[in-house]
Protein backbone atom coordinates (compact mmCIF):
# COMPACT_ATOMS: atom_id res chain seq x y z
CA MET A 1 100.50 103.82 53.98
CA ILE A 2 97.08 104.72 55.38
CA ASN A 3 95.86 108.05 56.71
CA VAL A 4 94.40 107.98 60.20
CA GLY A 5 92.32 110.38 62.26
CA ILE A 6 91.48 110.40 65.96
CA ILE A 7 88.33 111.93 67.44
CA GLY A 8 88.82 112.43 71.17
CA ALA A 9 92.59 112.71 71.15
CA THR A 10 93.07 114.54 74.46
CA GLY A 11 91.99 111.83 76.91
CA TYR A 12 94.34 109.22 78.35
CA VAL A 13 93.49 106.71 75.61
CA GLY A 14 93.66 109.34 72.86
CA GLU A 15 97.15 110.37 73.96
CA GLU A 16 98.26 106.73 73.93
CA LEU A 17 96.88 106.36 70.40
CA VAL A 18 98.79 109.42 69.22
CA GLY A 19 102.02 108.06 70.68
CA ILE A 20 101.65 104.66 69.00
CA LEU A 21 100.56 106.03 65.63
CA LEU A 22 103.40 108.56 65.43
CA LYS A 23 105.87 105.66 65.43
CA HIS A 24 103.83 103.43 63.10
CA PRO A 25 105.67 103.04 59.75
CA ASP A 26 102.51 102.29 57.76
CA ALA A 27 100.10 104.86 59.24
CA ARG A 28 100.13 108.65 58.89
CA LEU A 29 98.31 110.61 61.60
CA THR A 30 96.55 113.32 59.61
CA ASN A 31 93.87 114.70 61.91
CA ILE A 32 93.31 114.91 65.66
CA SER A 33 90.21 116.45 67.11
CA SER A 34 88.59 117.18 70.43
CA ARG A 35 85.31 118.74 71.43
CA THR A 36 86.98 120.61 74.30
CA SER A 37 90.45 121.69 73.12
CA SER A 38 90.04 122.87 69.54
CA GLY A 39 92.56 125.36 68.18
CA GLU A 40 95.43 124.30 70.44
CA LEU A 41 98.64 122.62 69.36
CA PHE A 42 98.43 119.04 70.53
CA SER A 43 101.94 119.30 71.96
CA LYS A 44 100.74 122.13 74.23
CA ILE A 45 97.93 119.95 75.55
CA ALA A 46 100.22 116.93 75.90
CA PRO A 47 103.78 118.30 76.35
CA GLN A 48 105.36 114.85 75.97
CA PHE A 49 104.74 115.25 72.23
CA GLU A 50 106.77 118.47 71.92
CA GLY A 51 108.98 118.10 68.84
CA LYS A 52 107.12 114.96 67.72
CA THR A 53 104.07 116.47 66.04
CA MET A 54 102.87 119.89 64.91
CA LEU A 55 99.25 118.81 64.55
CA THR A 56 96.63 121.17 65.94
CA CYS A 57 93.68 119.78 67.85
CA GLU A 58 90.57 120.72 65.89
CA LYS A 59 86.86 120.72 66.53
CA PRO A 60 85.43 117.50 65.02
CA ASP A 61 84.33 118.18 61.44
CA ILE A 62 83.17 115.02 59.70
CA ASN A 63 83.78 116.28 56.17
CA LYS A 64 87.29 117.45 56.99
CA ILE A 65 88.13 114.31 58.93
CA CYS A 66 86.89 112.09 56.11
CA SER A 67 88.79 114.06 53.48
CA LYS A 68 92.04 113.33 55.32
CA SER A 69 91.47 109.83 56.72
CA ASP A 70 91.05 106.23 55.62
CA LEU A 71 90.45 105.02 59.17
CA VAL A 72 89.14 106.91 62.18
CA PHE A 73 89.65 106.00 65.84
CA LEU A 74 86.96 107.19 68.24
CA ALA A 75 88.41 107.69 71.73
CA LEU A 76 85.27 109.30 73.09
CA PRO A 77 83.21 108.89 76.26
CA HIS A 78 80.51 106.24 76.20
CA THR A 79 77.30 107.35 74.40
CA ALA A 80 79.20 109.91 72.25
CA SER A 81 80.49 107.66 69.46
CA MET A 82 77.05 106.83 68.09
CA ASP A 83 76.77 110.46 66.95
CA PHE A 84 79.81 110.00 64.68
CA VAL A 85 79.86 106.39 63.51
CA PRO A 86 76.93 106.53 61.02
CA GLN A 87 78.41 109.58 59.32
CA LEU A 88 81.90 108.09 59.07
CA LEU A 89 80.59 104.82 57.65
CA LYS A 90 78.42 106.72 55.18
CA HIS A 91 81.59 108.38 53.88
CA GLY A 92 83.13 104.92 53.39
CA LYS A 93 85.60 105.17 56.27
CA ARG A 94 86.62 102.29 58.49
CA VAL A 95 86.11 102.92 62.19
CA ILE A 96 87.55 101.59 65.43
CA ASP A 97 85.41 102.71 68.35
CA LEU A 98 86.95 102.55 71.81
CA SER A 99 83.73 103.33 73.67
CA ALA A 100 81.02 100.83 74.65
CA ASP A 101 78.54 102.08 72.06
CA TYR A 102 78.86 99.12 69.70
CA ARG A 103 79.98 96.32 72.02
CA LEU A 104 76.68 95.11 73.44
CA ASN A 105 74.13 93.18 71.40
CA ASP A 106 71.51 93.51 74.14
CA GLN A 107 70.26 97.07 73.93
CA LYS A 108 68.27 96.79 77.14
CA ALA A 109 71.55 96.14 78.92
CA TYR A 110 73.14 99.11 77.13
CA GLU A 111 70.31 101.42 78.21
CA LYS A 112 70.46 100.12 81.79
CA PHE A 113 74.20 100.54 82.27
CA TYR A 114 74.82 103.62 80.10
CA THR A 115 71.46 105.32 80.84
CA ARG A 116 70.78 106.32 77.25
CA LYS A 117 68.89 104.85 74.30
CA HIS A 118 71.04 103.92 71.36
CA LYS A 119 70.67 106.08 68.24
CA ASP A 120 72.32 103.70 65.78
CA LYS A 121 70.99 100.19 66.33
CA LEU A 122 71.51 99.25 62.69
CA ASN A 123 75.29 99.47 62.90
CA ILE A 124 75.43 97.46 66.13
CA LYS A 125 74.55 94.41 64.03
CA ASN A 126 77.38 95.21 61.62
CA SER A 127 80.07 95.81 64.24
CA VAL A 128 82.76 93.27 65.08
CA TYR A 129 83.91 92.80 68.66
CA GLY A 130 87.59 93.66 68.53
CA LEU A 131 89.25 90.95 70.60
CA PRO A 132 91.86 89.62 68.14
CA GLU A 133 92.46 86.36 69.97
CA ILE A 134 88.83 85.34 69.36
CA TYR A 135 87.61 87.36 66.36
CA ARG A 136 90.69 87.89 64.17
CA ALA A 137 89.03 86.50 61.00
CA LYS A 138 86.07 88.88 61.29
CA ILE A 139 88.26 91.86 62.21
CA LYS A 140 90.19 91.48 58.94
CA THR A 141 87.19 92.57 56.85
CA ALA A 142 85.36 94.74 59.39
CA LYS A 143 84.17 98.25 58.61
CA LEU A 144 83.35 98.95 62.26
CA VAL A 145 85.30 97.42 65.14
CA ALA A 146 84.00 97.73 68.70
CA ASN A 147 87.21 97.75 70.72
CA PRO A 148 86.68 95.79 73.97
CA GLY A 149 86.70 97.30 77.42
CA CYS A 150 89.75 96.83 79.63
CA TYR A 151 88.14 94.61 82.27
CA PRO A 152 86.49 92.39 79.63
CA THR A 153 89.78 92.02 77.73
CA VAL A 154 91.69 90.63 80.69
CA SER A 155 88.72 88.62 81.99
CA ILE A 156 87.83 86.95 78.70
CA LEU A 157 91.44 86.09 77.88
CA ALA A 158 91.80 84.55 81.34
CA CYS A 159 88.68 82.40 80.97
CA ALA A 160 88.46 81.61 77.26
CA PRO A 161 90.40 78.33 77.04
CA LEU A 162 88.54 76.75 79.96
CA VAL A 163 85.15 77.93 78.75
CA ALA A 164 85.64 77.12 75.07
CA LEU A 165 86.96 73.61 75.82
CA GLY A 166 84.20 72.72 78.28
CA ILE A 167 86.44 72.52 81.35
CA ALA A 168 84.78 75.35 83.27
CA ASP A 169 81.60 75.03 85.29
CA SER A 170 79.88 78.01 83.72
CA GLY A 171 77.88 78.80 86.83
CA SER A 172 80.93 79.20 89.04
CA ILE A 173 83.02 81.93 87.39
CA ILE A 174 84.16 84.64 89.82
CA ILE A 175 86.28 87.54 88.54
CA ASP A 176 88.04 89.66 91.16
CA ALA A 177 89.71 92.51 89.25
CA LYS A 178 91.75 95.55 90.26
CA SER A 179 92.43 98.55 88.04
CA GLY A 180 94.53 101.69 88.11
CA VAL A 181 92.79 105.07 88.16
CA THR A 182 93.23 105.87 84.44
CA GLY A 183 90.61 103.22 83.72
CA ALA A 184 87.99 105.80 84.67
CA GLY A 185 89.21 108.30 82.06
CA LYS A 186 90.42 111.88 82.37
CA LYS A 187 87.66 113.64 84.27
CA LEU A 188 87.19 115.64 87.44
CA VAL A 189 85.43 113.32 89.88
CA GLU A 190 85.89 113.60 93.63
CA GLY A 191 86.41 109.88 94.12
CA LEU A 192 89.30 109.90 91.62
CA LEU A 193 91.24 112.78 93.17
CA PHE A 194 94.75 111.92 94.39
CA SER A 195 93.86 112.58 98.01
CA GLU A 196 90.86 110.25 97.75
CA VAL A 197 92.64 107.38 95.99
CA ASN A 198 96.11 107.53 97.55
CA GLN A 199 96.76 105.05 100.39
CA ASP A 200 93.37 103.44 99.85
CA PHE A 201 91.90 100.40 98.13
CA LYS A 202 88.23 99.72 97.54
CA ALA A 203 85.68 97.67 95.68
CA TYR A 204 83.12 99.58 93.62
CA LYS A 205 80.05 98.82 91.51
CA VAL A 206 80.02 95.34 93.06
CA ASN A 207 78.56 92.97 90.47
CA MET A 208 76.93 96.03 88.86
CA HIS A 209 79.78 97.37 86.71
CA GLN A 210 78.98 98.35 83.11
CA HIS A 211 81.59 95.88 81.84
CA GLY A 212 79.70 92.97 83.42
CA PRO A 213 77.23 92.54 80.52
CA GLU A 214 80.13 92.67 78.06
CA ILE A 215 81.98 89.88 79.88
CA ASN A 216 78.77 87.81 80.12
CA GLN A 217 78.04 88.31 76.42
CA GLU A 218 81.40 87.09 75.20
CA ILE A 219 81.77 84.18 77.63
CA SER A 220 78.22 83.11 76.71
CA LYS A 221 79.21 83.06 73.04
CA LEU A 222 82.22 80.87 73.78
CA LEU A 223 80.13 78.54 75.89
CA GLY A 224 77.13 78.39 73.56
CA LYS A 225 74.63 79.25 76.28
CA LYS A 226 73.78 82.20 78.48
CA VAL A 227 75.95 82.66 81.54
CA ALA A 228 76.29 85.28 84.28
CA VAL A 229 79.66 85.65 85.99
CA THR A 230 80.28 87.26 89.36
CA PHE A 231 82.38 90.35 88.64
CA VAL A 232 83.80 92.60 91.34
CA PRO A 233 86.08 95.50 90.29
CA HIS A 234 88.41 97.34 92.65
CA LEU A 235 90.23 100.66 92.41
CA LEU A 236 93.99 100.60 92.95
CA PRO A 237 95.95 103.72 93.99
CA LEU A 238 98.01 103.40 90.79
CA ASN A 239 97.98 105.14 87.43
CA ARG A 240 97.60 102.11 85.17
CA GLY A 241 97.32 98.35 84.96
CA ILE A 242 94.71 95.66 85.71
CA LEU A 243 95.21 92.45 87.64
CA ALA A 244 92.35 89.94 87.55
CA THR A 245 92.16 86.86 89.74
CA VAL A 246 89.59 84.44 88.32
CA TYR A 247 88.16 81.50 90.26
CA ILE A 248 86.52 78.69 88.30
CA LYS A 249 85.19 75.31 89.37
CA LYS A 250 85.74 72.45 86.96
CA ALA A 251 82.75 71.11 85.08
CA GLN A 252 81.55 67.73 86.34
CA SER A 253 82.86 66.07 83.18
CA ALA A 254 86.35 67.53 83.79
CA LYS A 255 86.67 66.49 87.43
CA GLY A 256 89.10 63.69 88.09
CA ARG A 257 90.75 64.06 84.68
CA THR A 258 94.48 64.69 84.64
CA GLN A 259 95.18 67.76 82.53
CA ASP A 260 98.14 70.02 82.06
CA LEU A 261 96.32 73.33 82.07
CA ILE A 262 99.43 75.34 81.28
CA SER A 263 100.02 73.29 78.13
CA LEU A 264 96.34 73.68 77.30
CA TYR A 265 96.57 77.47 77.57
CA LYS A 266 99.79 77.55 75.54
CA LYS A 267 98.17 75.51 72.78
CA PHE A 268 95.02 77.68 72.79
CA TYR A 269 97.08 80.88 72.46
CA LYS A 270 100.02 79.45 70.47
CA ASN A 271 99.59 81.88 67.57
CA GLU A 272 98.82 84.93 69.69
CA PRO A 273 101.66 87.47 69.72
CA PHE A 274 100.45 89.35 72.80
CA VAL A 275 99.40 86.56 75.16
CA ARG A 276 102.14 85.08 77.34
CA ILE A 277 101.49 82.00 79.50
CA ARG A 278 103.61 81.56 82.64
CA LYS A 279 105.23 78.32 83.74
CA ALA A 280 103.89 76.39 86.74
CA GLY A 281 104.03 78.33 89.99
CA ASP A 282 104.86 81.61 88.24
CA PHE A 283 102.25 84.35 88.37
CA PRO A 284 102.33 87.76 86.65
CA ARG A 285 102.31 91.17 88.28
CA LEU A 286 101.48 94.60 86.91
CA LYS A 287 105.11 95.62 86.40
CA ASP A 288 105.41 92.80 83.85
CA VAL A 289 102.95 94.41 81.43
CA VAL A 290 102.49 98.14 82.06
CA HIS A 291 103.46 100.20 79.01
CA THR A 292 103.09 97.07 76.82
CA ASN A 293 100.35 95.40 74.79
CA PHE A 294 100.84 92.02 76.47
CA CYS A 295 98.43 89.97 78.53
CA ASP A 296 100.32 87.67 80.90
CA ILE A 297 98.49 84.70 82.41
CA GLY A 298 99.35 82.31 85.23
CA ILE A 299 97.27 79.19 86.06
CA GLU A 300 96.96 77.10 89.20
CA ASP A 301 95.13 73.75 89.12
CA CYS A 302 93.66 73.20 92.60
CA GLY A 303 91.95 69.88 91.94
CA ASP A 304 88.28 70.62 91.42
CA ASN A 305 89.00 74.35 91.22
CA ILE A 306 91.19 76.51 88.98
CA ILE A 307 92.71 79.92 89.73
CA ILE A 308 93.83 82.14 86.86
CA ILE A 309 95.76 85.38 87.35
CA ALA A 310 95.94 87.69 84.34
CA VAL A 311 97.39 91.18 83.93
CA ILE A 312 97.26 93.89 81.25
CA ASP A 313 97.90 97.60 80.87
CA ASN A 314 94.38 99.06 80.79
CA LEU A 315 95.43 101.88 78.44
CA LEU A 316 97.22 99.60 75.95
CA LYS A 317 95.98 96.00 75.66
CA GLY A 318 92.84 97.29 77.38
CA ALA A 319 92.35 100.17 74.93
CA ALA A 320 94.77 101.99 72.57
CA GLY A 321 97.25 99.18 72.00
CA GLN A 322 94.51 96.70 71.19
CA ALA A 323 92.90 99.26 68.88
CA VAL A 324 96.14 99.59 66.88
CA GLN A 325 96.48 95.80 66.92
CA ASN A 326 93.03 95.70 65.31
CA MET A 327 94.09 98.30 62.75
CA ASN A 328 97.12 96.19 61.87
CA ILE A 329 94.85 93.19 61.30
CA MET A 330 92.37 95.20 59.21
CA TYR A 331 95.08 96.50 56.88
CA LYS A 332 97.21 93.35 56.81
CA PHE A 333 100.17 95.01 58.52
CA PRO A 334 102.37 92.79 60.71
CA GLU A 335 100.31 92.54 63.88
CA LYS A 336 103.09 93.65 66.21
CA THR A 337 103.84 96.83 64.23
CA ALA A 338 104.41 99.84 66.55
CA LEU A 339 103.40 97.73 69.55
CA LEU A 340 106.79 96.32 70.55
């Protein structure tokens, strides 16, 4: 049994973390904190937890959190986690950060997209990118896990087999992704109001989204050379879920070769408990994965081109669920624990 704390428990992702951890047989939720709701019973802030927990949401106090926790989840806005991570690591705690603060190796890109200089560059080098399907071995011994963003999770999982095995033309990758509104977090922004989102559908931050550098970084690592994908996100008038349609041209060396791409994907992900590959002609939809930690993938071989459709729940496999999956790996718990 490990003791777990959450800093930033009152956002959408924080609430999902609380729900998963309360049913986890090997983790005890000992401390939840928030910079905006201290002193309130968590069940008053999030009524769905009435009768499930009597924890009070407290103002973040590093000494108190560390005295009660072995592992701390940070479900904070981007640029806030770097104020907490050095202190938590100094106290010998393991950390899973769900913000972007420790995901990017290129600090110029971080400063450009998050408009702030990083305060803790030393620990960036020591962080492990928390995509289990690619970095499981490193996650097992990590002190600091940088939990991936939601768009990068679905995009990388969709592309990884083709990129890693040299089938993809690296200069041709186009990612057309659509997300529910909770992907933007719990905040008062005019463009996220019900009346603004309902009965509408739009592209935003076209090829300029902050998750673009994260996707480029990880696909470049798989490929062994620098690559820049075309990434266009869209906002769906839905609460949760991401559907990504990825278009990839085959590399010159792969053209004309007969390949069963579905079998290739199944082999690549054969030991992955949360990646499900569809049969030929079957493509996933959001209803297949919302409220789960699964990533479902369908593939269509179009001759010289390949279309991949992948779906996840942005709050689970794209955030809280994946974070608990990483915790399970770090502490050698069965990976599916509390996630099925």
